[in-house]
């Protein structure tokens, strides 16, 4: 901040152009960093989640050769079929166990991760702006 005399002799505080450019440059860098974070989380989650889910589905008995006898998967199939429950979750798990996730499934997971990360970053920015405003109001 610099001071400049007003025509009436009063001193008015003004922000220098250099400070404004520095603030704008910092905002640009922060936004670029946020984009990198969002992309990185989307890629990591898009790769890791399908691997973990497929591993878990296979561990409970949904395999490439079908449902393993006397497994959790076999019990789930039996319960769903005999109690008039929907067999859709069992069929979905069987499909994932046999073939894994397709491109669309991975895209949905990655997009969801990116949207969630973006929301978290925006909430952090809002909180920082509130704190900054609160500090200014106390001065």
N, C-alpha and C. Protein backbone atom coordinates (compact mmCIF):
# COMPACT_ATOMS: atom_id res chain seq x y z
N UNK A 1 0.85 -1.17 0.00
CA UNK A 1 0.00 0.00 0.00
C UNK A 1 0.89 1.23 0.00
N UNK A 2 0.47 2.23 -0.75
CA UNK A 2 1.17 3.50 -0.74
C UNK A 2 0.16 4.60 -0.44
N UNK A 3 0.67 5.77 -0.09
CA UNK A 3 -0.22 6.89 0.22
C UNK A 3 -0.05 7.96 -0.83
N UNK A 4 -1.16 8.60 -1.19
CA UNK A 4 -1.09 9.72 -2.12
C UNK A 4 -1.94 10.85 -1.59
N UNK A 5 -1.45 12.08 -1.75
CA UNK A 5 -2.22 13.22 -1.24
C UNK A 5 -3.46 13.45 -2.10
N UNK A 6 -4.55 13.77 -1.47
CA UNK A 6 -5.80 14.09 -2.15
C UNK A 6 -5.82 15.60 -2.35
N UNK A 7 -6.64 16.12 -3.26
CA UNK A 7 -6.66 17.56 -3.56
C UNK A 7 -6.97 18.41 -2.32
N UNK A 8 -7.69 17.83 -1.37
CA UNK A 8 -8.01 18.59 -0.17
C UNK A 8 -6.89 18.52 0.87
N UNK A 9 -5.83 17.83 0.54
CA UNK A 9 -4.72 17.71 1.46
C UNK A 9 -4.78 16.43 2.28
N UNK A 10 -5.90 15.70 2.25
CA UNK A 10 -6.02 14.44 2.99
C UNK A 10 -5.22 13.36 2.27
N UNK A 11 -4.74 12.41 3.02
CA UNK A 11 -3.96 11.32 2.45
C UNK A 11 -4.89 10.11 2.27
N UNK A 12 -4.91 9.57 1.05
CA UNK A 12 -5.76 8.42 0.73
C UNK A 12 -4.86 7.23 0.45
N UNK A 13 -5.17 6.08 1.05
CA UNK A 13 -4.38 4.86 0.84
C UNK A 13 -4.77 4.23 -0.49
N UNK A 14 -3.76 3.90 -1.28
CA UNK A 14 -4.01 3.23 -2.57
C UNK A 14 -3.12 2.00 -2.66
N UNK A 15 -3.57 1.05 -3.42
CA UNK A 15 -2.79 -0.16 -3.64
C UNK A 15 -1.94 0.03 -4.88
N UNK A 16 -0.68 -0.32 -4.79
CA UNK A 16 0.18 -0.15 -5.95
C UNK A 16 -0.14 -1.20 -7.00
N UNK A 17 0.16 -0.86 -8.24
CA UNK A 17 -0.11 -1.77 -9.35
C UNK A 17 0.71 -3.05 -9.21
N UNK A 18 1.89 -2.94 -8.68
CA UNK A 18 2.75 -4.12 -8.49
C UNK A 18 2.15 -5.13 -7.52
N UNK A 19 1.53 -4.62 -6.44
CA UNK A 19 0.88 -5.51 -5.46
C UNK A 19 -0.31 -6.22 -6.08
N UNK A 20 -1.09 -5.50 -6.91
CA UNK A 20 -2.25 -6.10 -7.58
C UNK A 20 -1.80 -7.20 -8.53
N UNK A 21 -0.73 -6.93 -9.29
CA UNK A 21 -0.22 -7.94 -10.22
C UNK A 21 0.30 -9.16 -9.47
N UNK A 22 0.96 -8.95 -8.34
CA UNK A 22 1.45 -10.06 -7.54
C UNK A 22 0.30 -10.90 -7.01
N UNK A 23 -0.77 -10.26 -6.54
CA UNK A 23 -1.95 -10.98 -6.06
C UNK A 23 -2.59 -11.78 -7.19
N UNK A 24 -2.71 -11.15 -8.36
CA UNK A 24 -3.31 -11.83 -9.52
C UNK A 24 -2.46 -13.03 -9.94
N UNK A 25 -1.14 -12.85 -9.92
CA UNK A 25 -0.23 -13.94 -10.28
C UNK A 25 -0.33 -15.09 -9.28
N UNK A 26 -0.43 -14.77 -7.97
CA UNK A 26 -0.58 -15.81 -6.95
C UNK A 26 -1.89 -16.55 -7.11
N UNK A 27 -2.98 -15.82 -7.43
CA UNK A 27 -4.28 -16.47 -7.66
C UNK A 27 -4.20 -17.41 -8.85
N UNK A 28 -3.54 -16.97 -9.93
CA UNK A 28 -3.39 -17.82 -11.12
C UNK A 28 -2.61 -19.09 -10.78
N UNK A 29 -1.52 -18.94 -10.04
CA UNK A 29 -0.71 -20.10 -9.65
C UNK A 29 -1.51 -21.05 -8.77
N UNK A 30 -2.30 -20.52 -7.84
CA UNK A 30 -3.11 -21.35 -6.95
C UNK A 30 -4.16 -22.12 -7.73
N UNK A 31 -4.79 -21.47 -8.69
CA UNK A 31 -5.81 -22.15 -9.50
C UNK A 31 -5.17 -23.25 -10.36
N UNK A 32 -4.00 -22.98 -10.91
CA UNK A 32 -3.30 -23.99 -11.70
C UNK A 32 -2.93 -25.19 -10.83
N UNK A 33 -2.48 -24.93 -9.62
CA UNK A 33 -2.15 -26.00 -8.69
C UNK A 33 -3.40 -26.81 -8.33
N UNK A 34 -4.54 -26.13 -8.16
CA UNK A 34 -5.79 -26.82 -7.87
C UNK A 34 -6.19 -27.75 -9.01
N UNK A 35 -6.00 -27.31 -10.25
CA UNK A 35 -6.33 -28.14 -11.41
C UNK A 35 -5.45 -29.39 -11.42
N UNK A 36 -4.18 -29.22 -11.10
CA UNK A 36 -3.26 -30.37 -11.05
C UNK A 36 -3.70 -31.35 -9.95
N UNK A 37 -4.06 -30.81 -8.79
CA UNK A 37 -4.52 -31.67 -7.69
C UNK A 37 -5.76 -32.47 -8.09
N UNK A 38 -6.72 -31.79 -8.69
CA UNK A 38 -7.96 -32.45 -9.10
C UNK A 38 -7.67 -33.56 -10.10
N UNK A 39 -6.83 -33.26 -11.08
CA UNK A 39 -6.48 -34.27 -12.08
C UNK A 39 -5.74 -35.45 -11.48
N UNK A 40 -4.83 -35.17 -10.58
CA UNK A 40 -4.06 -36.25 -9.95
C UNK A 40 -4.96 -37.16 -9.13
N UNK A 41 -5.86 -36.56 -8.36
CA UNK A 41 -6.77 -37.38 -7.56
C UNK A 41 -7.67 -38.21 -8.46
N UNK A 42 -8.17 -37.63 -9.53
CA UNK A 42 -9.04 -38.37 -10.45
C UNK A 42 -8.32 -39.57 -11.05
N UNK A 43 -7.06 -39.38 -11.44
CA UNK A 43 -6.29 -40.48 -12.03
C UNK A 43 -6.00 -41.57 -10.99
N UNK A 44 -5.53 -41.16 -9.82
CA UNK A 44 -5.20 -42.14 -8.78
C UNK A 44 -6.43 -42.93 -8.36
N UNK A 45 -7.52 -42.22 -8.10
CA UNK A 45 -8.75 -42.91 -7.69
C UNK A 45 -9.30 -43.74 -8.84
N UNK A 46 -9.25 -43.21 -10.05
CA UNK A 46 -9.74 -43.94 -11.21
C UNK A 46 -8.99 -45.24 -11.46
N UNK A 47 -7.74 -45.31 -11.04
CA UNK A 47 -6.95 -46.54 -11.18
C UNK A 47 -7.08 -47.42 -9.94
N UNK A 48 -6.98 -46.84 -8.76
CA UNK A 48 -6.95 -47.62 -7.52
C UNK A 48 -8.29 -48.24 -7.16
N UNK A 49 -9.36 -47.49 -7.26
CA UNK A 49 -10.67 -48.01 -6.84
C UNK A 49 -11.08 -49.24 -7.62
N UNK A 50 -11.00 -49.23 -8.95
CA UNK A 50 -11.37 -50.46 -9.66
C UNK A 50 -10.52 -51.67 -9.25
N UNK A 51 -9.24 -51.47 -9.02
CA UNK A 51 -8.38 -52.58 -8.61
C UNK A 51 -8.81 -53.13 -7.25
N UNK A 52 -9.09 -52.24 -6.32
CA UNK A 52 -9.49 -52.66 -4.98
C UNK A 52 -10.86 -53.35 -5.02
N UNK A 53 -11.80 -52.76 -5.76
CA UNK A 53 -13.15 -53.33 -5.82
C UNK A 53 -13.12 -54.70 -6.48
N UNK A 54 -12.41 -54.83 -7.59
CA UNK A 54 -12.32 -56.13 -8.27
C UNK A 54 -11.68 -57.16 -7.35
N UNK A 55 -10.64 -56.77 -6.63
CA UNK A 55 -9.99 -57.70 -5.69
C UNK A 55 -10.94 -58.13 -4.59
N UNK A 56 -11.71 -57.20 -4.06
CA UNK A 56 -12.66 -57.52 -2.99
C UNK A 56 -13.78 -58.42 -3.51
N UNK A 57 -14.28 -58.14 -4.68
CA UNK A 57 -15.35 -58.95 -5.27
C UNK A 57 -14.86 -60.38 -5.51
N UNK A 58 -13.66 -60.51 -6.00
CA UNK A 58 -13.10 -61.86 -6.23
C UNK A 58 -12.85 -62.57 -4.90
N UNK A 59 -12.46 -61.82 -3.88
CA UNK A 59 -12.17 -62.43 -2.58
C UNK A 59 -13.41 -63.04 -1.94
N UNK A 60 -14.58 -62.47 -2.21
CA UNK A 60 -15.81 -63.02 -1.62
C UNK A 60 -16.43 -64.13 -2.46
N UNK A 61 -15.84 -64.41 -3.63
CA UNK A 61 -16.29 -65.58 -4.40
C UNK A 61 -16.84 -65.33 -5.79
N UNK A 62 -16.83 -64.10 -6.27
CA UNK A 62 -17.24 -63.81 -7.64
C UNK A 62 -15.99 -63.83 -8.52
N UNK A 63 -15.79 -64.89 -9.28
CA UNK A 63 -14.55 -65.05 -10.06
C UNK A 63 -14.84 -65.10 -11.55
N UNK A 64 -13.78 -65.19 -12.33
CA UNK A 64 -13.93 -65.26 -13.78
C UNK A 64 -14.62 -66.55 -14.22
N UNK A 65 -14.57 -67.58 -13.40
CA UNK A 65 -15.22 -68.84 -13.76
C UNK A 65 -16.60 -68.99 -13.12
N UNK A 66 -17.10 -67.94 -12.47
CA UNK A 66 -18.43 -67.98 -11.87
C UNK A 66 -18.37 -67.80 -10.37
N UNK A 67 -19.46 -68.19 -9.71
CA UNK A 67 -19.55 -68.05 -8.26
C UNK A 67 -18.96 -69.28 -7.60
N UNK A 68 -18.05 -69.08 -6.66
CA UNK A 68 -17.38 -70.18 -5.96
C UNK A 68 -18.35 -70.81 -4.96
N UNK A 69 -18.42 -72.15 -4.97
CA UNK A 69 -19.30 -72.88 -4.05
C UNK A 69 -18.91 -72.61 -2.60
N UNK A 70 -19.91 -72.53 -1.72
CA UNK A 70 -19.74 -72.32 -0.28
C UNK A 70 -18.97 -71.03 0.05
N UNK A 71 -19.16 -70.02 -0.75
CA UNK A 71 -18.52 -68.72 -0.50
C UNK A 71 -19.58 -67.70 -0.09
N UNK A 72 -19.12 -66.53 0.27
CA UNK A 72 -20.04 -65.43 0.58
C UNK A 72 -20.89 -65.12 -0.65
N UNK A 73 -20.29 -65.19 -1.82
CA UNK A 73 -21.02 -64.93 -3.06
C UNK A 73 -22.13 -65.95 -3.27
N UNK A 74 -21.86 -67.22 -2.99
CA UNK A 74 -22.88 -68.26 -3.13
C UNK A 74 -24.03 -68.03 -2.16
N UNK A 75 -23.70 -67.64 -0.94
CA UNK A 75 -24.73 -67.35 0.07
C UNK A 75 -25.57 -66.16 -0.37
N UNK A 76 -24.92 -65.11 -0.89
CA UNK A 76 -25.65 -63.93 -1.35
C UNK A 76 -26.59 -64.29 -2.50
N UNK A 77 -26.15 -65.13 -3.40
CA UNK A 77 -26.99 -65.56 -4.52
C UNK A 77 -28.19 -66.35 -4.01
N UNK A 78 -27.94 -67.23 -3.07
CA UNK A 78 -29.00 -68.06 -2.51
C UNK A 78 -30.04 -67.20 -1.78
N UNK A 79 -29.58 -66.28 -0.95
CA UNK A 79 -30.49 -65.42 -0.20
C UNK A 79 -31.31 -64.55 -1.15
N UNK A 80 -30.68 -63.96 -2.15
CA UNK A 80 -31.37 -63.09 -3.10
C UNK A 80 -32.43 -63.87 -3.89
N UNK A 81 -32.09 -65.08 -4.31
CA UNK A 81 -33.00 -65.87 -5.14
C UNK A 81 -34.17 -66.44 -4.33
N UNK A 82 -33.93 -66.88 -3.11
CA UNK A 82 -34.99 -67.54 -2.34
C UNK A 82 -35.87 -66.59 -1.55
N UNK A 83 -35.45 -65.37 -1.30
CA UNK A 83 -36.23 -64.43 -0.49
C UNK A 83 -36.84 -63.29 -1.30
N UNK A 84 -36.92 -63.46 -2.59
CA UNK A 84 -37.52 -62.47 -3.49
C UNK A 84 -36.81 -61.11 -3.43
N UNK A 85 -35.53 -61.12 -3.10
CA UNK A 85 -34.75 -59.89 -3.17
C UNK A 85 -34.27 -59.72 -4.60
N UNK A 86 -33.89 -58.51 -4.93
CA UNK A 86 -33.35 -58.26 -6.27
C UNK A 86 -32.01 -58.96 -6.41
N UNK A 87 -31.82 -59.62 -7.53
CA UNK A 87 -30.54 -60.28 -7.79
C UNK A 87 -29.59 -59.35 -8.54
N UNK A 88 -30.02 -58.11 -8.78
CA UNK A 88 -29.18 -57.16 -9.52
C UNK A 88 -27.83 -56.92 -8.85
N UNK A 89 -27.75 -56.70 -7.53
CA UNK A 89 -26.42 -56.52 -6.93
C UNK A 89 -25.53 -57.75 -7.10
N UNK A 90 -26.12 -58.93 -6.99
CA UNK A 90 -25.34 -60.15 -7.16
C UNK A 90 -24.87 -60.27 -8.62
N UNK A 91 -25.75 -59.97 -9.55
CA UNK A 91 -25.38 -60.04 -10.97
C UNK A 91 -24.30 -59.01 -11.30
N UNK A 92 -24.41 -57.82 -10.71
CA UNK A 92 -23.39 -56.79 -10.94
C UNK A 92 -22.05 -57.23 -10.38
N UNK A 93 -22.05 -57.77 -9.16
CA UNK A 93 -20.80 -58.24 -8.57
C UNK A 93 -20.21 -59.39 -9.39
N UNK A 94 -21.08 -60.26 -9.90
CA UNK A 94 -20.59 -61.37 -10.72
C UNK A 94 -19.96 -60.85 -12.01
N UNK A 95 -20.57 -59.83 -12.60
CA UNK A 95 -20.02 -59.23 -13.81
C UNK A 95 -18.66 -58.58 -13.54
N UNK A 96 -18.57 -57.86 -12.41
CA UNK A 96 -17.29 -57.22 -12.06
C UNK A 96 -16.23 -58.27 -11.78
N UNK A 97 -16.60 -59.34 -11.09
CA UNK A 97 -15.64 -60.42 -10.81
C UNK A 97 -15.16 -61.11 -12.07
N UNK A 98 -16.04 -61.23 -13.05
CA UNK A 98 -15.67 -61.93 -14.29
C UNK A 98 -14.87 -61.05 -15.24
N UNK A 99 -15.28 -59.80 -15.40
CA UNK A 99 -14.67 -58.96 -16.43
C UNK A 99 -14.02 -57.69 -15.91
N UNK A 100 -14.18 -57.37 -14.64
CA UNK A 100 -13.64 -56.12 -14.12
C UNK A 100 -14.52 -54.96 -14.51
N UNK A 101 -14.01 -53.75 -14.36
CA UNK A 101 -14.75 -52.55 -14.75
C UNK A 101 -14.44 -52.21 -16.19
N UNK A 102 -15.45 -51.77 -16.90
CA UNK A 102 -15.23 -51.27 -18.25
C UNK A 102 -14.77 -49.83 -18.20
N UNK A 103 -14.55 -49.27 -19.38
CA UNK A 103 -14.11 -47.87 -19.47
C UNK A 103 -15.12 -46.93 -18.82
N UNK A 104 -16.40 -47.17 -19.05
CA UNK A 104 -17.44 -46.29 -18.50
C UNK A 104 -17.40 -46.30 -16.97
N UNK A 105 -17.24 -47.45 -16.38
CA UNK A 105 -17.16 -47.55 -14.91
C UNK A 105 -15.97 -46.78 -14.36
N UNK A 106 -14.83 -46.92 -15.02
CA UNK A 106 -13.64 -46.19 -14.59
C UNK A 106 -13.82 -44.69 -14.77
N UNK A 107 -14.48 -44.30 -15.87
CA UNK A 107 -14.71 -42.87 -16.12
C UNK A 107 -15.63 -42.27 -15.05
N UNK A 108 -16.65 -43.01 -14.66
CA UNK A 108 -17.57 -42.52 -13.62
C UNK A 108 -16.82 -42.37 -12.30
N UNK A 109 -16.00 -43.33 -11.96
CA UNK A 109 -15.24 -43.27 -10.71
C UNK A 109 -14.28 -42.09 -10.72
N UNK A 110 -13.54 -41.91 -11.81
CA UNK A 110 -12.60 -40.80 -11.92
C UNK A 110 -13.28 -39.45 -11.89
N UNK A 111 -14.42 -39.33 -12.58
CA UNK A 111 -15.17 -38.08 -12.61
C UNK A 111 -15.72 -37.75 -11.23
N UNK A 112 -16.22 -38.75 -10.54
CA UNK A 112 -16.73 -38.53 -9.19
C UNK A 112 -15.61 -38.08 -8.26
N UNK A 113 -14.45 -38.70 -8.39
CA UNK A 113 -13.31 -38.31 -7.56
C UNK A 113 -12.89 -36.87 -7.86
N UNK A 114 -12.87 -36.49 -9.14
CA UNK A 114 -12.49 -35.13 -9.51
C UNK A 114 -13.49 -34.11 -8.97
N UNK A 115 -14.79 -34.42 -9.09
CA UNK A 115 -15.82 -33.51 -8.60
C UNK A 115 -15.74 -33.35 -7.08
N UNK A 116 -15.50 -34.45 -6.39
CA UNK A 116 -15.39 -34.40 -4.93
C UNK A 116 -14.17 -33.59 -4.51
N UNK A 117 -13.06 -33.80 -5.18
CA UNK A 117 -11.83 -33.05 -4.86
C UNK A 117 -12.05 -31.56 -5.13
N UNK A 118 -12.68 -31.24 -6.25
CA UNK A 118 -12.96 -29.84 -6.57
C UNK A 118 -13.83 -29.21 -5.49
N UNK A 119 -14.86 -29.91 -5.05
CA UNK A 119 -15.73 -29.38 -4.01
C UNK A 119 -14.96 -29.14 -2.72
N UNK A 120 -14.07 -30.05 -2.37
CA UNK A 120 -13.27 -29.88 -1.16
C UNK A 120 -12.35 -28.66 -1.27
N UNK A 121 -11.75 -28.47 -2.44
CA UNK A 121 -10.86 -27.32 -2.65
C UNK A 121 -11.66 -26.02 -2.55
N UNK A 122 -12.85 -26.00 -3.15
CA UNK A 122 -13.68 -24.79 -3.11
C UNK A 122 -14.12 -24.48 -1.68
N UNK A 123 -14.46 -25.50 -0.91
CA UNK A 123 -14.85 -25.29 0.49
C UNK A 123 -13.68 -24.72 1.28
N UNK A 124 -12.46 -25.21 1.00
CA UNK A 124 -11.27 -24.69 1.68
C UNK A 124 -11.06 -23.22 1.32
N UNK A 125 -11.25 -22.88 0.06
CA UNK A 125 -11.11 -21.48 -0.37
C UNK A 125 -12.12 -20.57 0.33
N UNK A 126 -13.35 -21.04 0.41
CA UNK A 126 -14.38 -20.24 1.09
C UNK A 126 -14.03 -20.02 2.55
N UNK A 127 -13.55 -21.07 3.20
CA UNK A 127 -13.16 -20.95 4.61
C UNK A 127 -12.00 -19.95 4.77
N UNK A 128 -11.02 -20.03 3.87
CA UNK A 128 -9.90 -19.10 3.93
C UNK A 128 -10.36 -17.66 3.71
N UNK A 129 -11.31 -17.47 2.77
CA UNK A 129 -11.83 -16.13 2.51
C UNK A 129 -12.59 -15.60 3.72
N UNK A 130 -13.36 -16.46 4.39
CA UNK A 130 -14.08 -16.05 5.60
C UNK A 130 -13.10 -15.64 6.70
N UNK A 131 -12.04 -16.44 6.88
CA UNK A 131 -11.04 -16.11 7.91
C UNK A 131 -10.35 -14.79 7.60
N UNK A 132 -10.03 -14.57 6.33
CA UNK A 132 -9.37 -13.33 5.92
C UNK A 132 -10.29 -12.13 6.16
N UNK A 133 -11.58 -12.30 5.84
CA UNK A 133 -12.54 -11.23 6.05
C UNK A 133 -12.71 -10.95 7.54
N UNK A 134 -12.73 -12.01 8.35
CA UNK A 134 -12.86 -11.85 9.80
C UNK A 134 -11.66 -11.11 10.37
N UNK A 135 -10.45 -11.44 9.91
CA UNK A 135 -9.25 -10.75 10.39
C UNK A 135 -9.28 -9.28 10.02
N UNK A 136 -9.74 -8.97 8.78
CA UNK A 136 -9.81 -7.57 8.35
C UNK A 136 -10.83 -6.80 9.18
N UNK A 137 -11.94 -7.45 9.52
CA UNK A 137 -12.97 -6.75 10.29
C UNK A 137 -12.52 -6.47 11.72
N UNK A 138 -11.58 -7.27 12.23
CA UNK A 138 -11.07 -7.05 13.59
C UNK A 138 -10.06 -5.90 13.62
N UNK A 139 -9.49 -5.57 12.47
CA UNK A 139 -8.50 -4.49 12.42
C UNK A 139 -9.17 -3.19 12.44
